[in-house]
Amino acid sequence: QNLPKYTRNAEHPEHLHLQFGPGLEWHLLDADPDMPTLELRRVIEGFGVPRPLVKDWLMPQHLPKLERIGPCVLIVLRYAVKKAPFTEDDQARLTHKLVLYLNGERLVTMYRRADSDFPEVHEVLREYESGMRDLAMGHLVNKFFDDVLHTYRSQLFKAQDHVDTVEARLSKAGQRSFTGEFSSHCLFNLRRQVSLYRRLGTMIKELMERYERGKLPSSGGGPAVAVMESTSPMSPSAFQPYVEDLKDNVTSLVFQAESLYQQISDVLHLSMAVVDHRTNRLLYALTVFSAVFTPLTWMTGIYGMNFPNIPEFRYEYSYFFFWGATVLVASLTLGFLKLKKFI
């Protein structure tokens, strides 16, 4: 009987509403990409979201941001899509938007629940049932921050395994196996992905540091103001127990992304070096071949002329002498190249 009962919106069944006693109200909106913009705007404004924040809410490509109007706080995050292929480099397909709107004791979230690894409702209820009956707004928001970082970390681990495989195959079999998913084009796109995750991680870190200081820009570009009163569930003091762990996680994430970015760059340089090495070996073989056959081609050109008074044509064994001369010249050329350590 202590569990909060959640209800579904009659008009939009995918939208849920949970009431954790008198202290926390949570609305989960499932971001349907097929929902018309006007309908989505109507749903958002139904929670009393100020118009400037609605504009930021509706921008699909919005980067991480934290903005306040009065007691209302809008947090925009981007999380990594877990099924994004390594060949993809478009931000819209690599990441999706997560919106957290806080107003007093109310939390409204919107994201695509189908393609995310965020805790489902039953997981939060299980924690609540296990004794966390004082579930606070700060704890719930912390879970979303932590899970956003987890999506980046999962993609970075997948990318790390892929790069290690490419590096191993490249060192064993050379450029001939460096095709398909292991092509240079794929690695270039993967490096762009890692660069995007690193940039978004850095923005989230700056966002958290700004929030921890209790200052953030107000809407309209005004001066920085206090985020919330100290009694608010999402005041910096209420969120403080979770900030240090999140800062450590995001710092580790950025460091991991930078290391992986450098490793991918090194693998790309290695692949180019392998291509250059194979090209040089081919040119080397062609050069040796040309050095041997150039004098023979000259001899063949001389005796291939149709002059009737070439004296060598009158000898009975001219043909065999010519072959002996070509073998001798080729041997001398190869001996010279070997003496000079060209081969």
C-alpha atoms as a PDB file:
ATOM      1  CA  GLN A   1       0.000   0.000   0.000  1.00  0.00           C
ATOM      2  CA  ASN A   2       3.038   2.266   0.292  1.00  0.00           C
ATOM      3  CA  LEU A   3       3.784   2.079  -3.417  1.00  0.00           C
ATOM      4  CA  PRO A   4       2.760   5.054  -5.521  1.00  0.00           C
ATOM      5  CA  LYS A   5       0.077   4.278  -8.055  1.00  0.00           C
ATOM      6  CA  TYR A   6       0.806   5.413 -11.545  1.00  0.00           C
ATOM      7  CA  THR A   7      -1.868   6.404 -14.009  1.00  0.00           C
ATOM      8  CA  ARG A   8      -1.940   6.800 -17.767  1.00  0.00           C
ATOM      9  CA  ASN A   9      -3.091   9.818 -19.676  1.00  0.00           C
ATOM     10  CA  ALA A  10      -6.449   9.076 -21.290  1.00  0.00           C
ATOM     11  CA  GLU A  11      -5.595  11.020 -24.437  1.00  0.00           C
ATOM     12  CA  HIS A  12      -1.966   9.803 -24.636  1.00  0.00           C
ATOM     13  CA  PRO A  13      -1.687   6.330 -22.997  1.00  0.00           C
ATOM     14  CA  GLU A  14       2.097   6.338 -23.401  1.00  0.00           C
ATOM     15  CA  HIS A  15       2.316   9.226 -20.904  1.00  0.00           C
ATOM     16  CA  LEU A  16       2.522   8.167 -17.242  1.00  0.00           C
ATOM     17  CA  HIS A  17       1.981  10.008 -13.974  1.00  0.00           C
ATOM     18  CA  LEU A  18       3.470   8.905 -10.634  1.00  0.00           C
ATOM     19  CA  GLN A  19       2.785  10.474  -7.253  1.00  0.00           C
ATOM     20  CA  PHE A  20       5.367   9.685  -4.555  1.00  0.00           C
ATOM     21  CA  GLY A  21       3.420  10.933  -1.579  1.00  0.00           C
ATOM     22  CA  PRO A  22       3.191  14.701  -1.091  1.00  0.00           C
ATOM     23  CA  GLY A  23       6.870  15.283  -1.902  1.00  0.00           C
ATOM     24  CA  LEU A  24       7.357  14.259  -5.513  1.00  0.00           C
ATOM     25  CA  GLU A  25       5.202  14.171  -8.622  1.00  0.00           C
ATOM     26  CA  TRP A  26       6.692  12.634 -11.768  1.00  0.00           C
ATOM     27  CA  HIS A  27       5.241  12.841 -15.274  1.00  0.00           C
ATOM     28  CA  LEU A  28       6.819  10.629 -17.952  1.00  0.00           C
ATOM     29  CA  LEU A  29       6.167  11.762 -21.499  1.00  0.00           C
ATOM     30  CA  ASP A  30       7.204   9.392 -24.259  1.00  0.00           C
ATOM     31  CA  ALA A  31       8.733  11.422 -27.094  1.00  0.00           C
ATOM     32  CA  ASP A  32       6.869  10.235 -30.169  1.00  0.00           C
ATOM     33  CA  PRO A  33       8.668  11.496 -33.311  1.00  0.00           C
ATOM     34  CA  ASP A  34       5.386  11.217 -35.241  1.00  0.00           C
ATOM     35  CA  MET A  35       3.465  13.502 -32.875  1.00  0.00           C
ATOM     36  CA  PRO A  36       2.610  16.822 -34.572  1.00  0.00           C
ATOM     37  CA  THR A  37       4.455  19.815 -33.176  1.00  0.00           C
ATOM     38  CA  LEU A  38       1.265  21.672 -32.290  1.00  0.00           C
ATOM     39  CA  GLU A  39      -0.018  18.665 -30.337  1.00  0.00           C
ATOM     40  CA  LEU A  40       3.298  18.336 -28.509  1.00  0.00           C
ATOM     41  CA  ARG A  41       3.279  22.040 -27.701  1.00  0.00           C
ATOM     42  CA  ARG A  42      -0.219  21.715 -26.266  1.00  0.00           C
ATOM     43  CA  VAL A  43       0.869  18.814 -24.040  1.00  0.00           C
ATOM     44  CA  ILE A  44       3.929  20.723 -22.801  1.00  0.00           C
ATOM     45  CA  GLU A  45       2.064  23.944 -22.101  1.00  0.00           C
ATOM     46  CA  GLY A  46      -0.437  21.893 -20.108  1.00  0.00           C
ATOM     47  CA  PHE A  47       2.216  21.629 -17.372  1.00  0.00           C
ATOM     48  CA  GLY A  48       2.557  25.392 -17.140  1.00  0.00           C
ATOM     49  CA  VAL A  49       5.916  25.556 -18.918  1.00  0.00           C
ATOM     50  CA  PRO A  50       6.843  29.177 -19.759  1.00  0.00           C
ATOM     51  CA  ARG A  51       6.884  29.952 -23.477  1.00  0.00           C
ATOM     52  CA  PRO A  52      10.668  30.634 -23.733  1.00  0.00           C
ATOM     53  CA  LEU A  53      11.319  27.197 -22.228  1.00  0.00           C
ATOM     54  CA  VAL A  54       8.766  25.605 -24.579  1.00  0.00           C
ATOM     55  CA  LYS A  55      10.803  26.915 -27.511  1.00  0.00           C
ATOM     56  CA  ASP A  56      13.966  25.219 -26.203  1.00  0.00           C
ATOM     57  CA  TRP A  57      11.971  22.086 -25.413  1.00  0.00           C
ATOM     58  CA  LEU A  58      10.728  21.732 -29.001  1.00  0.00           C
ATOM     59  CA  MET A  59      14.123  22.172 -30.694  1.00  0.00           C
ATOM     60  CA  PRO A  60      15.158  18.605 -31.697  1.00  0.00           C
ATOM     61  CA  GLN A  61      18.872  19.398 -32.138  1.00  0.00           C
ATOM     62  CA  HIS A  62      19.256  21.338 -28.894  1.00  0.00           C
ATOM     63  CA  LEU A  63      22.590  20.814 -27.167  1.00  0.00           C
ATOM     64  CA  PRO A  64      22.858  20.291 -23.375  1.00  0.00           C
ATOM     65  CA  LYS A  65      21.529  23.312 -21.567  1.00  0.00           C
ATOM     66  CA  LEU A  66      20.210  24.409 -18.183  1.00  0.00           C
ATOM     67  CA  GLU A  67      17.887  27.428 -17.999  1.00  0.00           C
ATOM     68  CA  ARG A  68      15.662  28.966 -15.358  1.00  0.00           C
ATOM     69  CA  ILE A  69      12.604  31.190 -15.381  1.00  0.00           C
ATOM     70  CA  GLY A  70      11.388  31.950 -11.871  1.00  0.00           C
ATOM     71  CA  PRO A  71      10.883  28.639 -10.043  1.00  0.00           C
ATOM     72  CA  CYS A  72      10.941  26.682 -13.322  1.00  0.00           C
ATOM     73  CA  VAL A  73      14.128  24.921 -14.402  1.00  0.00           C
ATOM     74  CA  LEU A  74      14.595  23.276 -17.801  1.00  0.00           C
ATOM     75  CA  ILE A  75      17.440  20.801 -18.266  1.00  0.00           C
ATOM     76  CA  VAL A  76      18.165  19.601 -21.803  1.00  0.00           C
ATOM     77  CA  LEU A  77      20.507  16.629 -22.194  1.00  0.00           C
ATOM     78  CA  ARG A  78      21.420  14.378 -25.086  1.00  0.00           C
ATOM     79  CA  TYR A  79      21.950  10.637 -24.711  1.00  0.00           C
ATOM     80  CA  ALA A  80      23.651   8.203 -27.080  1.00  0.00           C
ATOM     81  CA  VAL A  81      21.470   5.903 -29.161  1.00  0.00           C
ATOM     82  CA  LYS A  82      22.564   2.378 -28.291  1.00  0.00           C
ATOM     83  CA  LYS A  83      21.876   0.937 -31.785  1.00  0.00           C
ATOM     84  CA  ALA A  84      23.751   3.620 -33.717  1.00  0.00           C
ATOM     85  CA  PRO A  85      26.135   1.995 -36.256  1.00  0.00           C
ATOM     86  CA  PHE A  86      29.818   2.859 -36.399  1.00  0.00           C
ATOM     87  CA  THR A  87      29.348   4.228 -39.921  1.00  0.00           C
ATOM     88  CA  GLU A  88      26.954   6.948 -38.703  1.00  0.00           C
ATOM     89  CA  ASP A  89      28.196  10.493 -38.076  1.00  0.00           C
ATOM     90  CA  ASP A  90      24.958  12.502 -37.893  1.00  0.00           C
ATOM     91  CA  GLN A  91      24.240  13.948 -34.455  1.00  0.00           C
ATOM     92  CA  ALA A  92      20.483  13.529 -34.908  1.00  0.00           C
ATOM     93  CA  ARG A  93      20.911   9.764 -35.393  1.00  0.00           C
ATOM     94  CA  LEU A  94      23.696   9.303 -32.849  1.00  0.00           C
ATOM     95  CA  THR A  95      21.988  11.095 -29.966  1.00  0.00           C
ATOM     96  CA  HIS A  96      18.442  11.900 -28.906  1.00  0.00           C
ATOM     97  CA  LYS A  97      17.175  14.614 -26.613  1.00  0.00           C
ATOM     98  CA  LEU A  98      16.182  14.181 -22.983  1.00  0.00           C
ATOM     99  CA  VAL A  99      14.212  16.982 -21.343  1.00  0.00           C
ATOM    100  CA  LEU A 100      13.836  17.433 -17.578  1.00  0.00           C
ATOM    101  CA  TYR A 101      11.436  20.131 -16.416  1.00  0.00           C
ATOM    102  CA  LEU A 102      11.285  20.955 -12.707  1.00  0.00           C
ATOM    103  CA  ASN A 103       8.754  23.182 -11.047  1.00  0.00           C
ATOM    104  CA  GLY A 104       8.409  22.937  -7.284  1.00  0.00           C
ATOM    105  CA  GLU A 105       7.645  19.303  -6.453  1.00  0.00           C
ATOM    106  CA  ARG A 106       6.857  18.373 -10.051  1.00  0.00           C
ATOM    107  CA  LEU A 107       9.252  16.648 -12.443  1.00  0.00           C
ATOM    108  CA  VAL A 108       8.350  16.210 -16.111  1.00  0.00           C
ATOM    109  CA  THR A 109      10.606  14.094 -18.339  1.00  0.00           C
ATOM    110  CA  MET A 110      10.432  13.447 -22.062  1.00  0.00           C
ATOM    111  CA  TYR A 111      12.582  11.091 -24.090  1.00  0.00           C
ATOM    112  CA  ARG A 112      12.208   8.159 -26.445  1.00  0.00           C
ATOM    113  CA  ARG A 113      11.794   5.307 -24.023  1.00  0.00           C
ATOM    114  CA  ALA A 114      12.072   2.686 -26.780  1.00  0.00           C
ATOM    115  CA  ASP A 115      15.707   3.418 -27.638  1.00  0.00           C
ATOM    116  CA  SER A 116      17.138   4.319 -24.231  1.00  0.00           C
ATOM    117  CA  ASP A 117      18.681   2.454 -21.319  1.00  0.00           C
ATOM    118  CA  PHE A 118      17.123   4.701 -18.704  1.00  0.00           C
ATOM    119  CA  PRO A 119      15.446   3.127 -15.671  1.00  0.00           C
ATOM    120  CA  GLU A 120      11.893   2.117 -16.380  1.00  0.00           C
ATOM    121  CA  VAL A 121       9.086   2.930 -14.019  1.00  0.00           C
ATOM    122  CA  HIS A 122       9.156  -0.496 -12.384  1.00  0.00           C
ATOM    123  CA  GLU A 123      12.836  -0.050 -11.474  1.00  0.00           C
ATOM    124  CA  VAL A 124      12.143   3.212  -9.686  1.00  0.00           C
ATOM    125  CA  LEU A 125       9.163   1.636  -7.925  1.00  0.00           C
ATOM    126  CA  ARG A 126      11.330  -1.287  -6.832  1.00  0.00           C
ATOM    127  CA  GLU A 127      13.843   1.094  -5.245  1.00  0.00           C
ATOM    128  CA  TYR A 128      11.009   2.945  -3.588  1.00  0.00           C
ATOM    129  CA  GLU A 129       9.593  -0.302  -2.238  1.00  0.00           C
ATOM    130  CA  SER A 130      12.985  -1.472  -0.953  1.00  0.00           C
ATOM    131  CA  GLY A 131      13.141   1.318   1.590  1.00  0.00           C
ATOM    132  CA  MET A 132      13.860   4.504  -0.298  1.00  0.00           C
ATOM    133  CA  ARG A 133      10.530   6.012   0.712  1.00  0.00           C
ATOM    134  CA  ASP A 134      12.102   9.423   0.977  1.00  0.00           C
ATOM    135  CA  LEU A 135      12.821   9.378  -2.764  1.00  0.00           C
ATOM    136  CA  ALA A 136      13.833  12.958  -3.530  1.00  0.00           C
ATOM    137  CA  MET A 137      13.787  14.993  -6.708  1.00  0.00           C
ATOM    138  CA  GLY A 138      17.569  15.282  -6.584  1.00  0.00           C
ATOM    139  CA  HIS A 139      17.945  11.503  -6.521  1.00  0.00           C
ATOM    140  CA  LEU A 140      15.655  11.029  -9.512  1.00  0.00           C
ATOM    141  CA  VAL A 141      17.368  13.734 -11.565  1.00  0.00           C
ATOM    142  CA  ASN A 142      20.730  12.243 -10.609  1.00  0.00           C
ATOM    143  CA  LYS A 143      19.607   8.905 -12.056  1.00  0.00           C
ATOM    144  CA  PHE A 144      18.902  10.560 -15.386  1.00  0.00           C
ATOM    145  CA  PHE A 145      22.256  12.356 -15.414  1.00  0.00           C
ATOM    146  CA  ASP A 146      24.034   9.132 -14.509  1.00  0.00           C
ATOM    147  CA  ASP A 147      22.179   7.124 -17.159  1.00  0.00           C
ATOM    148  CA  VAL A 148      22.953   9.708 -19.837  1.00  0.00           C
ATOM    149  CA  LEU A 149      26.643   9.315 -19.016  1.00  0.00           C
ATOM    150  CA  HIS A 150      26.169   5.534 -19.063  1.00  0.00           C
ATOM    151  CA  THR A 151      24.873   5.655 -22.644  1.00  0.00           C
ATOM    152  CA  TYR A 152      28.038   7.470 -23.744  1.00  0.00           C
ATOM    153  CA  ARG A 153      30.229   5.081 -21.780  1.00  0.00           C
ATOM    154  CA  SER A 154      28.553   2.034 -23.353  1.00  0.00           C
ATOM    155  CA  GLN A 155      29.089   3.418 -26.859  1.00  0.00           C
ATOM    156  CA  LEU A 156      32.708   4.224 -26.047  1.00  0.00           C
ATOM    157  CA  PHE A 157      33.314   0.667 -24.805  1.00  0.00           C
ATOM    158  CA  LYS A 158      31.794  -0.719 -28.013  1.00  0.00           C
ATOM    159  CA  ALA A 159      33.948   1.630 -30.057  1.00  0.00           C
ATOM    160  CA  GLN A 160      37.014   0.620 -28.024  1.00  0.00           C
ATOM    161  CA  ASP A 161      36.439  -3.063 -28.778  1.00  0.00           C
ATOM    162  CA  HIS A 162      35.950  -2.278 -32.460  1.00  0.00           C
ATOM    163  CA  VAL A 163      39.133  -0.221 -32.673  1.00  0.00           C
ATOM    164  CA  ASP A 164      41.108  -2.953 -30.872  1.00  0.00           C
ATOM    165  CA  THR A 165      39.814  -5.489 -33.426  1.00  0.00           C
ATOM    166  CA  VAL A 166      40.767  -3.215 -36.317  1.00  0.00           C
ATOM    167  CA  GLU A 167      44.228  -2.670 -34.876  1.00  0.00           C
ATOM    168  CA  ALA A 168      44.781  -6.408 -34.369  1.00  0.00           C
ATOM    169  CA  ARG A 169      43.629  -7.289 -37.882  1.00  0.00           C
ATOM    170  CA  LEU A 170      45.668  -4.500 -39.374  1.00  0.00           C
ATOM    171  CA  SER A 171      48.852  -5.604 -37.621  1.00  0.00           C
ATOM    172  CA  LYS A 172      48.361  -9.257 -38.657  1.00  0.00           C
ATOM    173  CA  ALA A 173      46.989  -9.143 -42.181  1.00  0.00           C
ATOM    174  CA  GLY A 174      47.764  -5.642 -43.352  1.00  0.00           C
ATOM    175  CA  GLN A 175      45.598  -3.402 -45.445  1.00  0.00           C
ATOM    176  CA  ARG A 176      43.980  -6.257 -47.389  1.00  0.00           C
ATOM    177  CA  SER A 177      41.655  -6.983 -44.430  1.00  0.00           C
ATOM    178  CA  PHE A 178      40.973  -3.294 -43.804  1.00  0.00           C
ATOM    179  CA  THR A 179      37.618  -3.146 -45.629  1.00  0.00           C
ATOM    180  CA  GLY A 180      33.910  -2.936 -44.825  1.00  0.00           C
ATOM    181  CA  GLU A 181      33.380  -2.163 -41.134  1.00  0.00           C
ATOM    182  CA  PHE A 182      37.154  -1.997 -40.798  1.00  0.00           C
ATOM    183  CA  SER A 183      37.630   0.560 -43.576  1.00  0.00           C
ATOM    184  CA  SER A 184      39.275   3.922 -43.114  1.00  0.00           C
ATOM    185  CA  HIS A 185      35.960   5.615 -43.899  1.00  0.00           C
ATOM    186  CA  CYS A 186      34.311   3.751 -41.019  1.00  0.00           C
ATOM    187  CA  LEU A 187      37.121   4.745 -38.669  1.00  0.00           C
ATOM    188  CA  PHE A 188      36.823   8.396 -39.710  1.00  0.00           C
ATOM    189  CA  ASN A 189      33.100   8.298 -38.880  1.00  0.00           C
ATOM    190  CA  LEU A 190      33.822   6.513 -35.603  1.00  0.00           C
ATOM    191  CA  ARG A 191      36.296   9.219 -34.671  1.00  0.00           C
ATOM    192  CA  ARG A 192      33.595  11.817 -35.331  1.00  0.00           C
ATOM    193  CA  GLN A 193      31.268   9.886 -33.015  1.00  0.00           C
ATOM    194  CA  VAL A 194      33.858   9.850 -30.247  1.00  0.00           C
ATOM    195  CA  SER A 195      34.507  13.560 -30.787  1.00  0.00           C
ATOM    196  CA  LEU A 196      30.764  14.224 -30.448  1.00  0.00           C
ATOM    197  CA  TYR A 197      30.532  12.208 -27.210  1.00  0.00           C
ATOM    198  CA  ARG A 198      33.562  14.033 -25.844  1.00  0.00           C
ATOM    199  CA  ARG A 199      32.080  17.421 -26.694  1.00  0.00           C
ATOM    200  CA  LEU A 200      28.691  16.569 -25.180  1.00  0.00           C
ATOM    201  CA  GLY A 201      30.372  15.154 -22.071  1.00  0.00           C
ATOM    202  CA  THR A 202      32.335  18.370 -21.659  1.00  0.00           C
ATOM    203  CA  MET A 203      29.143  20.419 -21.996  1.00  0.00           C
ATOM    204  CA  ILE A 204      27.386  18.283 -19.373  1.00  0.00           C
ATOM    205  CA  LYS A 205      30.366  18.733 -17.048  1.00  0.00           C
ATOM    206  CA  GLU A 206      30.218  22.508 -17.436  1.00  0.00           C
ATOM    207  CA  LEU A 207      26.458  22.385 -16.887  1.00  0.00           C
ATOM    208  CA  MET A 208      26.873  20.477 -13.613  1.00  0.00           C
ATOM    209  CA  GLU A 209      29.640  22.775 -12.397  1.00  0.00           C
ATOM    210  CA  ARG A 210      27.474  25.805 -13.110  1.00  0.00           C
ATOM    211  CA  TYR A 211      24.558  24.226 -11.292  1.00  0.00           C
ATOM    212  CA  GLU A 212      26.753  23.246  -8.349  1.00  0.00           C
ATOM    213  CA  ARG A 213      27.796  26.867  -7.938  1.00  0.00           C
ATOM    214  CA  GLY A 214      24.107  27.728  -7.695  1.00  0.00           C
ATOM    215  CA  LYS A 215      24.257  30.159 -10.609  1.00  0.00           C
ATOM    216  CA  LEU A 216      22.967  29.863 -14.155  1.00  0.00           C
ATOM    217  CA  PRO A 217      21.823  32.233 -16.890  1.00  0.00           C
ATOM    218  CA  SER A 218      18.206  33.255 -16.769  1.00  0.00           C
ATOM    219  CA  SER A 219      16.065  33.211 -19.900  1.00  0.00           C
ATOM    220  CA  GLY A 220      16.553  36.195 -22.176  1.00  0.00           C
ATOM    221  CA  GLY A 221      20.293  36.466 -21.595  1.00  0.00           C
ATOM    222  CA  GLY A 222      20.021  38.287 -18.267  1.00  0.00           C
ATOM    223  CA  PRO A 223      22.605  38.110 -15.493  1.00  0.00           C
ATOM    224  CA  ALA A 224      23.241  34.880 -13.642  1.00  0.00           C
ATOM    225  CA  VAL A 225      20.822  34.323 -10.797  1.00  0.00           C
ATOM    226  CA  ALA A 226      20.435  31.835  -7.977  1.00  0.00           C
ATOM    227  CA  VAL A 227      18.998  28.573  -9.241  1.00  0.00           C
ATOM    228  CA  MET A 228      16.455  27.905  -6.501  1.00  0.00           C
ATOM    229  CA  GLU A 229      15.828  28.607  -2.904  1.00  0.00           C
ATOM    230  CA  SER A 230      17.653  26.316  -0.483  1.00  0.00           C
ATOM    231  CA  THR A 231      14.347  24.717   0.508  1.00  0.00           C
ATOM    232  CA  SER A 232      13.589  23.572  -3.035  1.00  0.00           C
ATOM    233  CA  PRO A 233      13.993  19.827  -3.805  1.00  0.00           C
ATOM    234  CA  MET A 234      16.310  20.750  -6.651  1.00  0.00           C
ATOM    235  CA  SER A 235      18.360  23.432  -4.945  1.00  0.00           C
ATOM    236  CA  PRO A 236      22.154  23.041  -5.233  1.00  0.00           C
ATOM    237  CA  SER A 237      22.274  21.961  -1.580  1.00  0.00           C
ATOM    238  CA  ALA A 238      19.681  19.218  -2.219  1.00  0.00           C
ATOM    239  CA  PHE A 239      21.550  18.039  -5.306  1.00  0.00           C
ATOM    240  CA  GLN A 240      25.000  18.304  -3.694  1.00  0.00           C
ATOM    241  CA  PRO A 241      25.267  14.663  -2.482  1.00  0.00           C
ATOM    242  CA  TYR A 242      25.146  13.467  -6.086  1.00  0.00           C
ATOM    243  CA  VAL A 243      27.248  16.145  -7.793  1.00  0.00           C
ATOM    244  CA  GLU A 244      30.693  14.869  -6.822  1.00  0.00           C
ATOM    245  CA  ASP A 245      30.047  11.360  -8.125  1.00  0.00           C
ATOM    246  CA  LEU A 246      28.593  12.756 -11.333  1.00  0.00           C
ATOM    247  CA  LYS A 247      31.571  15.055 -11.799  1.00  0.00           C
ATOM    248  CA  ASP A 248      33.934  12.117 -11.328  1.00  0.00           C
ATOM    249  CA  ASN A 249      31.939  10.065 -13.835  1.00  0.00           C
ATOM    250  CA  VAL A 250      31.832  12.767 -16.465  1.00  0.00           C
ATOM    251  CA  THR A 251      35.540  13.542 -15.989  1.00  0.00           C
ATOM    252  CA  SER A 252      36.325   9.860 -16.484  1.00  0.00           C
ATOM    253  CA  LEU A 253      34.049   9.824 -19.545  1.00  0.00           C
ATOM    254  CA  VAL A 254      35.773  12.791 -21.161  1.00  0.00           C
ATOM    255  CA  PHE A 255      39.193  11.274 -20.457  1.00  0.00           C
ATOM    256  CA  GLN A 256      38.079   7.944 -21.965  1.00  0.00           C
ATOM    257  CA  ALA A 257      36.748   9.709 -25.067  1.00  0.00           C
ATOM    258  CA  GLU A 258      39.976  11.684 -25.495  1.00  0.00           C
ATOM    259  CA  SER A 259      42.084   8.526 -25.160  1.00  0.00           C
ATOM    260  CA  LEU A 260      39.912   6.659 -27.660  1.00  0.00           C
ATOM    261  CA  TYR A 261      39.995   9.598 -30.073  1.00  0.00           C
ATOM    262  CA  GLN A 262      43.787   9.529 -29.953  1.00  0.00           C
ATOM    263  CA  GLN A 263      43.847   5.745 -30.424  1.00  0.00           C
ATOM    264  CA  ILE A 264      41.607   5.972 -33.491  1.00  0.00           C
ATOM    265  CA  SER A 265      43.883   8.661 -34.910  1.00  0.00           C
ATOM    266  CA  ASP A 266      46.878   6.396 -34.312  1.00  0.00           C
ATOM    267  CA  VAL A 267      45.129   3.474 -36.050  1.00  0.00           C
ATOM    268  CA  LEU A 268      44.304   5.699 -39.025  1.00  0.00           C
ATOM    269  CA  HIS A 269      47.939   6.779 -39.216  1.00  0.00           C
ATOM    270  CA  LEU A 270      48.957   3.121 -38.991  1.00  0.00           C
ATOM    271  CA  SER A 271      46.604   2.194 -41.833  1.00  0.00           C
ATOM    272  CA  MET A 272      48.058   4.978 -43.970  1.00  0.00           C
ATOM    273  CA  ALA A 273      51.556   3.795 -43.117  1.00  0.00           C
ATOM    274  CA  VAL A 274      50.605   0.265 -44.193  1.00  0.00           C
ATOM    275  CA  VAL A 275      49.275   1.595 -47.500  1.00  0.00           C
ATOM    276  CA  ASP A 276      52.441   3.636 -48.022  1.00  0.00           C
ATOM    277  CA  HIS A 277      54.589   0.615 -47.172  1.00  0.00           C
ATOM    278  CA  ARG A 278      52.787  -1.626 -49.657  1.00  0.00           C
ATOM    279  CA  THR A 279      52.993   1.100 -52.314  1.00  0.00           C
ATOM    280  CA  ASN A 280      56.706   1.534 -51.697  1.00  0.00           C
ATOM    281  CA  ARG A 281      57.287  -2.212 -51.950  1.00  0.00           C
ATOM    282  CA  LEU A 282      55.423  -2.300 -55.247  1.00  0.00           C
ATOM    283  CA  LEU A 283      57.381   0.653 -56.610  1.00  0.00           C
ATOM    284  CA  TYR A 284      60.603  -0.970 -55.405  1.00  0.00           C
ATOM    285  CA  ALA A 285      59.817  -4.193 -57.296  1.00  0.00           C
ATOM    286  CA  LEU A 286      58.932  -2.229 -60.439  1.00  0.00           C
ATOM    287  CA  THR A 287      62.163  -0.232 -60.154  1.00  0.00           C
ATOM    288  CA  VAL A 288      64.297  -3.387 -59.921  1.00  0.00           C
ATOM    289  CA  PHE A 289      62.382  -4.914 -62.825  1.00  0.00           C
ATOM    290  CA  SER A 290      62.954  -1.766 -64.917  1.00  0.00           C
ATOM    291  CA  ALA A 291      66.666  -1.616 -64.002  1.00  0.00           C
ATOM    292  CA  VAL A 292      67.166  -5.184 -65.236  1.00  0.00           C
ATOM    293  CA  PHE A 293      65.169  -4.931 -68.450  1.00  0.00           C
ATOM    294  CA  THR A 294      66.121  -1.425 -69.585  1.00  0.00           C
ATOM    295  CA  PRO A 295      69.509  -2.474 -71.070  1.00  0.00           C
ATOM    296  CA  LEU A 296      67.926  -5.600 -72.522  1.00  0.00           C
ATOM    297  CA  THR A 297      65.250  -3.447 -74.158  1.00  0.00           C
ATOM    298  CA  TRP A 298      67.988  -1.269 -75.605  1.00  0.00           C
ATOM    299  CA  MET A 299      69.783  -4.307 -77.056  1.00  0.00           C
ATOM    300  CA  THR A 300      66.566  -5.645 -78.508  1.00  0.00           C
ATOM    301  CA  GLY A 301      65.866  -2.278 -80.113  1.00  0.00           C
ATOM    302  CA  ILE A 302      69.301  -2.204 -81.730  1.00  0.00           C
ATOM    303  CA  TYR A 303      69.095  -5.673 -83.246  1.00  0.00           C
ATOM    304  CA  GLY A 304      65.438  -5.292 -84.104  1.00  0.00           C
ATOM    305  CA  MET A 305      66.141  -2.603 -86.717  1.00  0.00           C
ATOM    306  CA  ASN A 306      65.571  -3.672 -90.324  1.00  0.00           C
ATOM    307  CA  PHE A 307      68.981  -2.633 -91.757  1.00  0.00           C
ATOM    308  CA  PRO A 308      70.317  -5.221 -94.217  1.00  0.00           C
ATOM    309  CA  ASN A 309      73.990  -4.552 -93.405  1.00  0.00           C
ATOM    310  CA  ILE A 310      74.090  -5.384 -89.706  1.00  0.00           C
ATOM    311  CA  PRO A 311      77.205  -7.610 -89.516  1.00  0.00           C
ATOM    312  CA  GLU A 312      76.050  -9.755 -86.567  1.00  0.00           C
ATOM    313  CA  PHE A 313      73.213 -11.148 -88.687  1.00  0.00           C
ATOM    314  CA  ARG A 314      75.711 -12.945 -90.943  1.00  0.00           C
ATOM    315  CA  TYR A 315      77.188 -15.095 -88.173  1.00  0.00           C
ATOM    316  CA  GLU A 316      75.859 -18.635 -87.816  1.00  0.00           C
ATOM    317  CA  TYR A 317      75.504 -18.450 -84.016  1.00  0.00           C
ATOM    318  CA  SER A 318      74.347 -14.828 -83.695  1.00  0.00           C
ATOM    319  CA  TYR A 319      71.090 -15.849 -82.068  1.00  0.00           C
ATOM    320  CA  PHE A 320      72.850 -17.771 -79.285  1.00  0.00           C
ATOM    321  CA  PHE A 321      75.407 -14.996 -78.804  1.00  0.00           C
ATOM    322  CA  PHE A 322      72.550 -12.530 -78.362  1.00  0.00           C
ATOM    323  CA  TRP A 323      70.980 -14.672 -75.644  1.00  0.00           C
ATOM    324  CA  GLY A 324      74.320 -15.052 -73.925  1.00  0.00           C
ATOM    325  CA  ALA A 325      74.796 -11.277 -73.995  1.00  0.00           C
ATOM    326  CA  THR A 326      71.329 -10.641 -72.508  1.00  0.00           C
ATOM    327  CA  VAL A 327      71.954 -13.128 -69.677  1.00  0.00           C
ATOM    328  CA  LEU A 328      75.354 -11.558 -69.003  1.00  0.00           C
ATOM    329  CA  VAL A 329      73.948  -8.003 -68.946  1.00  0.00           C
ATOM    330  CA  ALA A 330      71.054  -9.018 -66.674  1.00  0.00           C
ATOM    331  CA  SER A 331      73.451 -10.808 -64.312  1.00  0.00           C
ATOM    332  CA  LEU A 332      75.803  -7.829 -64.193  1.00  0.00           C
ATOM    333  CA  THR A 333      72.870  -5.493 -63.476  1.00  0.00           C
ATOM    334  CA  LEU A 334      71.582  -7.689 -60.652  1.00  0.00           C
ATOM    335  CA  GLY A 335      75.116  -8.011 -59.269  1.00  0.00           C
ATOM    336  CA  PHE A 336      75.549  -4.246 -59.293  1.00  0.00           C
ATOM    337  CA  LEU A 337      72.236  -3.726 -57.504  1.00  0.00           C
ATOM    338  CA  LYS A 338      73.168  -6.316 -54.904  1.00  0.00           C
ATOM    339  CA  LEU A 339      76.635  -4.828 -54.462  1.00  0.00           C
ATOM    340  CA  LYS A 340      75.064  -1.422 -53.781  1.00  0.00           C
ATOM    341  CA  LYS A 341      72.567  -3.144 -51.419  1.00  0.00           C
ATOM    342  CA  PHE A 342      69.590  -2.035 -53.455  1.00  0.00           C
ATOM    343  CA  ILE A 343      68.231  -5.587 -53.247  1.00  0.00           C
END
